[in-house]
Amino acid sequence: MLADLDQFAKARMDVGELAKKTRERLHDMSQPLTAVQGRLQLLAAKATPEDPNAEYYREMVRLMAAATRQIAEMQQLHRAFS
């Protein structure tokens, strides 16, 4: 019985550690993505219609925003269930 309780306590700690690492990794991913998205938005705003990269910048801003939004959704789900 005591061994079962020890195993249960260890499993709880493992889940807690996993939750902590997940939070940290989501945060670590969101920070650089936000910075890159801001830089791409600046490039897209400054791009002239003649710039061959203008469409690329706009598409990258859209994709980065989608990735950032997905990470934010994962963070919200993680907060709700941990």
PDB file of N, CA and C in Angstrom:
ATOM      1  N   MET A   1       0.823  -1.192   0.000  1.00  0.00           N
ATOM      2  CA  MET A   1       0.000   0.000   0.000  1.00  0.00           C
ATOM      3  C   MET A   1       0.870   1.260   0.000  1.00  0.00           C
ATOM      4  N   LEU A   2       1.890   1.251   0.841  1.00  0.00           N
ATOM      5  CA  LEU A   2       2.791   2.404   0.913  1.00  0.00           C
ATOM      6  C   LEU A   2       3.545   2.591  -0.401  1.00  0.00           C
ATOM      7  N   ALA A   3       3.911   1.491  -1.034  1.00  0.00           N
ATOM      8  CA  ALA A   3       4.600   1.568  -2.331  1.00  0.00           C
ATOM      9  C   ALA A   3       3.685   2.179  -3.381  1.00  0.00           C
ATOM     10  N   ASP A   4       2.390   1.840  -3.317  1.00  0.00           N
ATOM     11  CA  ASP A   4       1.426   2.425  -4.257  1.00  0.00           C
ATOM     12  C   ASP A   4       1.312   3.934  -4.059  1.00  0.00           C
ATOM     13  N   LEU A   5       1.304   4.351  -2.797  1.00  0.00           N
ATOM     14  CA  LEU A   5       1.235   5.789  -2.509  1.00  0.00           C
ATOM     15  C   LEU A   5       2.487   6.507  -2.992  1.00  0.00           C
ATOM     16  N   ASP A   6       3.636   5.883  -2.799  1.00  0.00           N
ATOM     17  CA  ASP A   6       4.887   6.471  -3.286  1.00  0.00           C
ATOM     18  C   ASP A   6       4.879   6.588  -4.805  1.00  0.00           C
ATOM     19  N   GLN A   7       4.398   5.551  -5.465  1.00  0.00           N
ATOM     20  CA  GLN A   7       4.326   5.576  -6.931  1.00  0.00           C
ATOM     21  C   GLN A   7       3.364   6.666  -7.404  1.00  0.00           C
ATOM     22  N   PHE A   8       2.230   6.801  -6.716  1.00  0.00           N
ATOM     23  CA  PHE A   8       1.262   7.844  -7.060  1.00  0.00           C
ATOM     24  C   PHE A   8       1.870   9.235  -6.870  1.00  0.00           C
ATOM     25  N   ALA A   9       2.567   9.433  -5.759  1.00  0.00           N
ATOM     26  CA  ALA A   9       3.206  10.727  -5.500  1.00  0.00           C
ATOM     27  C   ALA A   9       4.257  11.030  -6.559  1.00  0.00           C
ATOM     28  N   LYS A  10       5.027  10.030  -6.951  1.00  0.00           N
ATOM     29  CA  LYS A  10       6.044  10.233  -7.984  1.00  0.00           C
ATOM     30  C   LYS A  10       5.393  10.585  -9.320  1.00  0.00           C
ATOM     31  N   ALA A  11       4.304   9.899  -9.651  1.00  0.00           N
ATOM     32  CA  ALA A  11       3.594  10.193 -10.902  1.00  0.00           C
ATOM     33  C   ALA A  11       3.055  11.614 -10.888  1.00  0.00           C
ATOM     34  N   ARG A  12       2.545  12.065  -9.755  1.00  0.00           N
ATOM     35  CA  ARG A  12       2.044  13.442  -9.650  1.00  0.00           C
ATOM     36  C   ARG A  12       3.171  14.440  -9.854  1.00  0.00           C
ATOM     37  N   MET A  13       4.341  14.151  -9.269  1.00  0.00           N
ATOM     38  CA  MET A  13       5.475  15.052  -9.441  1.00  0.00           C
ATOM     39  C   MET A  13       5.923  15.057 -10.893  1.00  0.00           C
ATOM     40  N   ASP A  14       5.911  13.895 -11.533  1.00  0.00           N
ATOM     41  CA  ASP A  14       6.308  13.820 -12.935  1.00  0.00           C
ATOM     42  C   ASP A  14       5.364  14.640 -13.808  1.00  0.00           C
ATOM     43  N   VAL A  15       4.066  14.561 -13.538  1.00  0.00           N
ATOM     44  CA  VAL A  15       3.089  15.339 -14.297  1.00  0.00           C
ATOM     45  C   VAL A  15       3.294  16.828 -14.035  1.00  0.00           C
ATOM     46  N   GLY A  16       3.563  17.180 -12.783  1.00  0.00           N
ATOM     47  CA  GLY A  16       3.826  18.577 -12.451  1.00  0.00           C
ATOM     48  C   GLY A  16       5.063  19.099 -13.158  1.00  0.00           C
ATOM     49  N   GLU A  17       6.094  18.285 -13.207  1.00  0.00           N
ATOM     50  CA  GLU A  17       7.325  18.675 -13.901  1.00  0.00           C
ATOM     51  C   GLU A  17       7.077  18.813 -15.399  1.00  0.00           C
ATOM     52  N   LEU A  18       6.305  17.892 -15.957  1.00  0.00           N
ATOM     53  CA  LEU A  18       5.955  17.972 -17.374  1.00  0.00           C
ATOM     54  C   LEU A  18       5.169  19.250 -17.667  1.00  0.00           C
ATOM     55  N   ALA A  19       4.232  19.586 -16.797  1.00  0.00           N
ATOM     56  CA  ALA A  19       3.445  20.813 -16.979  1.00  0.00           C
ATOM     57  C   ALA A  19       4.346  22.047 -16.927  1.00  0.00           C
ATOM     58  N   LYS A  20       5.283  22.046 -16.005  1.00  0.00           N
ATOM     59  CA  LYS A  20       6.209  23.178 -15.888  1.00  0.00           C
ATOM     60  C   LYS A  20       7.064  23.310 -17.151  1.00  0.00           C
ATOM     61  N   LYS A  21       7.594  22.194 -17.624  1.00  0.00           N
ATOM     62  CA  LYS A  21       8.419  22.226 -18.834  1.00  0.00           C
ATOM     63  C   LYS A  21       7.605  22.663 -20.047  1.00  0.00           C
ATOM     64  N   THR A  22       6.353  22.217 -20.108  1.00  0.00           N
ATOM     65  CA  THR A  22       5.488  22.614 -21.222  1.00  0.00           C
ATOM     66  C   THR A  22       5.257  24.116 -21.208  1.00  0.00           C
ATOM     67  N   ARG A  23       4.963  24.667 -20.027  1.00  0.00           N
ATOM     68  CA  ARG A  23       4.783  26.124 -19.900  1.00  0.00           C
ATOM     69  C   ARG A  23       6.023  26.870 -20.368  1.00  0.00           C
ATOM     70  N   GLU A  24       7.174  26.406 -19.908  1.00  0.00           N
ATOM     71  CA  GLU A  24       8.428  27.065 -20.273  1.00  0.00           C
ATOM     72  C   GLU A  24       8.681  26.991 -21.780  1.00  0.00           C
ATOM     73  N   ARG A  25       8.431  25.839 -22.366  1.00  0.00           N
ATOM     74  CA  ARG A  25       8.683  25.681 -23.810  1.00  0.00           C
ATOM     75  C   ARG A  25       7.726  26.524 -24.643  1.00  0.00           C
ATOM     76  N   LEU A  26       6.467  26.579 -24.237  1.00  0.00           N
ATOM     77  CA  LEU A  26       5.513  27.425 -24.961  1.00  0.00           C
ATOM     78  C   LEU A  26       5.929  28.889 -24.875  1.00  0.00           C
ATOM     79  N   HIS A  27       6.360  29.301 -23.686  1.00  0.00           N
ATOM     80  CA  HIS A  27       6.822  30.683 -23.520  1.00  0.00           C
ATOM     81  C   HIS A  27       8.072  30.931 -24.364  1.00  0.00           C
ATOM     82  N   ASP A  28       8.997  29.979 -24.343  1.00  0.00           N
ATOM     83  CA  ASP A  28      10.235  30.124 -25.120  1.00  0.00           C
ATOM     84  C   ASP A  28       9.966  30.196 -26.620  1.00  0.00           C
ATOM     85  N   MET A  29       8.921  29.527 -27.082  1.00  0.00           N
ATOM     86  CA  MET A  29       8.579  29.589 -28.507  1.00  0.00           C
ATOM     87  C   MET A  29       7.882  30.901 -28.854  1.00  0.00           C
ATOM     88  N   SER A  30       7.037  31.383 -27.959  1.00  0.00           N
ATOM     89  CA  SER A  30       6.226  32.556 -28.293  1.00  0.00           C
ATOM     90  C   SER A  30       7.051  33.834 -28.365  1.00  0.00           C
ATOM     91  N   GLN A  31       8.069  33.963 -27.552  1.00  0.00           N
ATOM     92  CA  GLN A  31       8.851  35.196 -27.527  1.00  0.00           C
ATOM     93  C   GLN A  31       9.555  35.483 -28.855  1.00  0.00           C
ATOM     94  N   PRO A  32      10.336  34.549 -29.391  1.00  0.00           N
ATOM     95  CA  PRO A  32      10.996  34.836 -30.673  1.00  0.00           C
ATOM     96  C   PRO A  32      10.005  35.002 -31.824  1.00  0.00           C
ATOM     97  N   LEU A  33       8.914  34.243 -31.803  1.00  0.00           N
ATOM     98  CA  LEU A  33       7.919  34.379 -32.867  1.00  0.00           C
ATOM     99  C   LEU A  33       7.318  35.779 -32.877  1.00  0.00           C
ATOM    100  N   THR A  34       7.036  36.307 -31.709  1.00  0.00           N
ATOM    101  CA  THR A  34       6.479  37.653 -31.618  1.00  0.00           C
ATOM    102  C   THR A  34       7.474  38.676 -32.150  1.00  0.00           C
ATOM    103  N   ALA A  35       8.740  38.506 -31.813  1.00  0.00           N
ATOM    104  CA  ALA A  35       9.768  39.431 -32.294  1.00  0.00           C
ATOM    105  C   ALA A  35       9.906  39.360 -33.813  1.00  0.00           C
ATOM    106  N   VAL A  36       9.923  38.155 -34.348  1.00  0.00           N
ATOM    107  CA  VAL A  36      10.041  37.991 -35.803  1.00  0.00           C
ATOM    108  C   VAL A  36       8.811  38.562 -36.501  1.00  0.00           C
ATOM    109  N   GLN A  37       7.646  38.318 -35.926  1.00  0.00           N
ATOM    110  CA  GLN A  37       6.417  38.846 -36.519  1.00  0.00           C
ATOM    111  C   GLN A  37       6.455  40.372 -36.569  1.00  0.00           C
ATOM    112  N   GLY A  38       6.915  41.006 -35.509  1.00  0.00           N
ATOM    113  CA  GLY A  38       7.025  42.461 -35.496  1.00  0.00           C
ATOM    114  C   GLY A  38       7.977  42.971 -36.561  1.00  0.00           C
ATOM    115  N   ARG A  39       9.106  42.308 -36.703  1.00  0.00           N
ATOM    116  CA  ARG A  39      10.087  42.710 -37.718  1.00  0.00           C
ATOM    117  C   ARG A  39       9.517  42.535 -39.126  1.00  0.00           C
ATOM    118  N   LEU A  40       8.827  41.434 -39.362  1.00  0.00           N
ATOM    119  CA  LEU A  40       8.221  41.208 -40.676  1.00  0.00           C
ATOM    120  C   LEU A  40       7.115  42.220 -40.965  1.00  0.00           C
ATOM    121  N   GLN A  41       6.355  42.591 -39.940  1.00  0.00           N
ATOM    122  CA  GLN A  41       5.319  43.605 -40.137  1.00  0.00           C
ATOM    123  C   GLN A  41       5.948  44.932 -40.551  1.00  0.00           C
ATOM    124  N   LEU A  42       7.066  45.262 -39.940  1.00  0.00           N
ATOM    125  CA  LEU A  42       7.776  46.487 -40.301  1.00  0.00           C
ATOM    126  C   LEU A  42       8.265  46.415 -41.744  1.00  0.00           C
ATOM    127  N   LEU A  43       8.852  45.296 -42.125  1.00  0.00           N
ATOM    128  CA  LEU A  43       9.320  45.132 -43.501  1.00  0.00           C
ATOM    129  C   LEU A  43       8.158  45.200 -44.493  1.00  0.00           C
ATOM    130  N   ALA A  44       7.043  44.571 -44.148  1.00  0.00           N
ATOM    131  CA  ALA A  44       5.876  44.588 -45.035  1.00  0.00           C
ATOM    132  C   ALA A  44       5.322  46.000 -45.175  1.00  0.00           C
ATOM    133  N   ALA A  45       5.318  46.746 -44.082  1.00  0.00           N
ATOM    134  CA  ALA A  45       4.793  48.111 -44.127  1.00  0.00           C
ATOM    135  C   ALA A  45       5.690  49.029 -44.956  1.00  0.00           C
ATOM    136  N   LYS A  46       6.990  48.797 -44.909  1.00  0.00           N
ATOM    137  CA  LYS A  46       7.932  49.648 -45.638  1.00  0.00           C
ATOM    138  C   LYS A  46       8.116  49.228 -47.094  1.00  0.00           C
ATOM    139  N   ALA A  47       7.669  48.036 -47.446  1.00  0.00           N
ATOM    140  CA  ALA A  47       7.873  47.528 -48.810  1.00  0.00           C
ATOM    141  C   ALA A  47       7.019  48.311 -49.803  1.00  0.00           C
ATOM    142  N   THR A  48       7.640  48.681 -50.885  1.00  0.00           N
ATOM    143  CA  THR A  48       6.916  49.376 -51.952  1.00  0.00           C
ATOM    144  C   THR A  48       6.244  48.343 -52.851  1.00  0.00           C
ATOM    145  N   PRO A  49       5.248  48.750 -53.621  1.00  0.00           N
ATOM    146  CA  PRO A  49       4.594  47.796 -54.526  1.00  0.00           C
ATOM    147  C   PRO A  49       5.561  47.183 -55.543  1.00  0.00           C
ATOM    148  N   GLU A  50       6.641  47.895 -55.855  1.00  0.00           N
ATOM    149  CA  GLU A  50       7.625  47.377 -56.812  1.00  0.00           C
ATOM    150  C   GLU A  50       8.567  46.353 -56.186  1.00  0.00           C
ATOM    151  N   ASP A  51       8.609  46.319 -54.868  1.00  0.00           N
ATOM    152  CA  ASP A  51       9.510  45.400 -54.169  1.00  0.00           C
ATOM    153  C   ASP A  51       9.078  43.955 -54.442  1.00  0.00           C
ATOM    154  N   PRO A  52       9.984  43.135 -54.994  1.00  0.00           N
ATOM    155  CA  PRO A  52       9.611  41.747 -55.301  1.00  0.00           C
ATOM    156  C   PRO A  52       9.312  40.919 -54.044  1.00  0.00           C
ATOM    157  N   ASN A  53       9.759  41.393 -52.888  1.00  0.00           N
ATOM    158  CA  ASN A  53       9.541  40.654 -51.642  1.00  0.00           C
ATOM    159  C   ASN A  53       8.293  41.099 -50.885  1.00  0.00           C
ATOM    160  N   ALA A  54       7.591  42.106 -51.375  1.00  0.00           N
ATOM    161  CA  ALA A  54       6.448  42.661 -50.642  1.00  0.00           C
ATOM    162  C   ALA A  54       5.398  41.590 -50.344  1.00  0.00           C
ATOM    163  N   GLU A  55       5.052  40.812 -51.336  1.00  0.00           N
ATOM    164  CA  GLU A  55       4.043  39.757 -51.128  1.00  0.00           C
ATOM    165  C   GLU A  55       4.560  38.693 -50.160  1.00  0.00           C
ATOM    166  N   TYR A  56       5.836  38.372 -50.264  1.00  0.00           N
ATOM    167  CA  TYR A  56       6.459  37.407 -49.357  1.00  0.00           C
ATOM    168  C   TYR A  56       6.366  37.900 -47.917  1.00  0.00           C
ATOM    169  N   TYR A  57       6.681  39.175 -47.681  1.00  0.00           N
ATOM    170  CA  TYR A  57       6.602  39.737 -46.329  1.00  0.00           C
ATOM    171  C   TYR A  57       5.188  39.623 -45.775  1.00  0.00           C
ATOM    172  N   ARG A  58       4.193  39.984 -46.588  1.00  0.00           N
ATOM    173  CA  ARG A  58       2.802  39.923 -46.127  1.00  0.00           C
ATOM    174  C   ARG A  58       2.396  38.483 -45.795  1.00  0.00           C
ATOM    175  N   GLU A  59       2.814  37.550 -46.627  1.00  0.00           N
ATOM    176  CA  GLU A  59       2.483  36.143 -46.374  1.00  0.00           C
ATOM    177  C   GLU A  59       3.173  35.644 -45.109  1.00  0.00           C
ATOM    178  N   MET A  60       4.415  36.029 -44.912  1.00  0.00           N
ATOM    179  CA  MET A  60       5.134  35.617 -43.704  1.00  0.00           C
ATOM    180  C   MET A  60       4.504  36.222 -42.451  1.00  0.00           C
ATOM    181  N   VAL A  61       4.051  37.469 -42.532  1.00  0.00           N
ATOM    182  CA  VAL A  61       3.358  38.085 -41.397  1.00  0.00           C
ATOM    183  C   VAL A  61       2.109  37.269 -41.075  1.00  0.00           C
ATOM    184  N   ARG A  62       1.365  36.886 -42.099  1.00  0.00           N
ATOM    185  CA  ARG A  62       0.145  36.104 -41.897  1.00  0.00           C
ATOM    186  C   ARG A  62       0.463  34.756 -41.247  1.00  0.00           C
ATOM    187  N   LEU A  63       1.502  34.087 -41.739  1.00  0.00           N
ATOM    188  CA  LEU A  63       1.874  32.785 -41.193  1.00  0.00           C
ATOM    189  C   LEU A  63       2.390  32.894 -39.760  1.00  0.00           C
ATOM    190  N   MET A  64       3.192  33.910 -39.489  1.00  0.00           N
ATOM    191  CA  MET A  64       3.701  34.113 -38.130  1.00  0.00           C
ATOM    192  C   MET A  64       2.563  34.426 -37.167  1.00  0.00           C
ATOM    193  N   ALA A  65       1.610  35.232 -37.613  1.00  0.00           N
ATOM    194  CA  ALA A  65       0.456  35.550 -36.767  1.00  0.00           C
ATOM    195  C   ALA A  65      -0.335  34.280 -36.459  1.00  0.00           C
ATOM    196  N   ALA A  66      -0.486  33.421 -37.446  1.00  0.00           N
ATOM    197  CA  ALA A  66      -1.203  32.158 -37.227  1.00  0.00           C
ATOM    198  C   ALA A  66      -0.459  31.275 -36.225  1.00  0.00           C
ATOM    199  N   ALA A  67       0.854  31.183 -36.356  1.00  0.00           N
ATOM    200  CA  ALA A  67       1.647  30.372 -35.426  1.00  0.00           C
ATOM    201  C   ALA A  67       1.584  30.950 -34.018  1.00  0.00           C
ATOM    202  N   THR A  68       1.697  32.271 -33.906  1.00  0.00           N
ATOM    203  CA  THR A  68       1.621  32.923 -32.604  1.00  0.00           C
ATOM    204  C   THR A  68       0.256  32.685 -31.973  1.00  0.00           C
ATOM    205  N   ARG A  69      -0.786  32.775 -32.770  1.00  0.00           N
ATOM    206  CA  ARG A  69      -2.149  32.552 -32.281  1.00  0.00           C
ATOM    207  C   ARG A  69      -2.316  31.108 -31.790  1.00  0.00           C
ATOM    208  N   GLN A  70      -1.749  30.150 -32.513  1.00  0.00           N
ATOM    209  CA  GLN A  70      -1.849  28.750 -32.100  1.00  0.00           C
ATOM    210  C   GLN A  70      -1.114  28.502 -30.786  1.00  0.00           C
ATOM    211  N   ILE A  71       0.034  29.119 -30.625  1.00  0.00           N
ATOM    212  CA  ILE A  71       0.770  28.967 -29.368  1.00  0.00           C
ATOM    213  C   ILE A  71      -0.018  29.593 -28.229  1.00  0.00           C
ATOM    214  N   ALA A  72      -0.626  30.754 -28.464  1.00  0.00           N
ATOM    215  CA  ALA A  72      -1.448  31.389 -27.428  1.00  0.00           C
ATOM    216  C   ALA A  72      -2.623  30.491 -27.048  1.00  0.00           C
ATOM    217  N   GLU A  73      -3.231  29.843 -28.022  1.00  0.00           N
ATOM    218  CA  GLU A  73      -4.330  28.913 -27.736  1.00  0.00           C
ATOM    219  C   GLU A  73      -3.838  27.726 -26.907  1.00  0.00           C
ATOM    220  N   MET A  74      -2.650  27.210 -27.232  1.00  0.00           N
ATOM    221  CA  MET A  74      -2.086  26.107 -26.452  1.00  0.00           C
ATOM    222  C   MET A  74      -1.817  26.555 -25.022  1.00  0.00           C
ATOM    223  N   GLN A  75      -1.312  27.787 -24.852  1.00  0.00           N
ATOM    224  CA  GLN A  75      -1.057  28.296 -23.514  1.00  0.00           C
ATOM    225  C   GLN A  75      -2.358  28.418 -22.726  1.00  0.00           C
ATOM    226  N   GLN A  76      -3.426  28.889 -23.365  1.00  0.00           N
ATOM    227  CA  GLN A  76      -4.718  29.001 -22.685  1.00  0.00           C
ATOM    228  C   GLN A  76      -5.243  27.626 -22.282  1.00  0.00           C
ATOM    229  N   LEU A  77      -5.154  26.662 -23.186  1.00  0.00           N
ATOM    230  CA  LEU A  77      -5.579  25.303 -22.852  1.00  0.00           C
ATOM    231  C   LEU A  77      -4.748  24.732 -21.712  1.00  0.00           C
ATOM    232  N   HIS A  78      -3.465  24.987 -21.751  1.00  0.00           N
ATOM    233  CA  HIS A  78      -2.577  24.479 -20.708  1.00  0.00           C
ATOM    234  C   HIS A  78      -2.956  25.075 -19.361  1.00  0.00           C
ATOM    235  N   ARG A  79      -3.217  26.389 -19.333  1.00  0.00           N
ATOM    236  CA  ARG A  79      -3.627  27.032 -18.080  1.00  0.00           C
ATOM    237  C   ARG A  79      -4.954  26.464 -17.578  1.00  0.00           C
ATOM    238  N   ALA A  80      -5.867  26.194 -18.495  1.00  0.00           N
ATOM    239  CA  ALA A  80      -7.189  25.704 -18.110  1.00  0.00           C
ATOM    240  C   ALA A  80      -7.135  24.301 -17.506  1.00  0.00           C
ATOM    241  N   PHE A  81      -6.190  23.484 -17.951  1.00  0.00           N
ATOM    242  CA  PHE A  81      -6.160  22.096 -17.515  1.00  0.00           C
ATOM    243  C   PHE A  81      -5.004  21.749 -16.586  1.00  0.00           C
ATOM    244  N   SER A  82      -4.217  22.735 -16.181  1.00  0.00           N
ATOM    245  CA  SER A  82      -3.120  22.391 -15.262  1.00  0.00           C
ATOM    246  C   SER A  82      -3.271  23.106 -13.946  1.00  0.00           C
TER     247      SER A  82
END
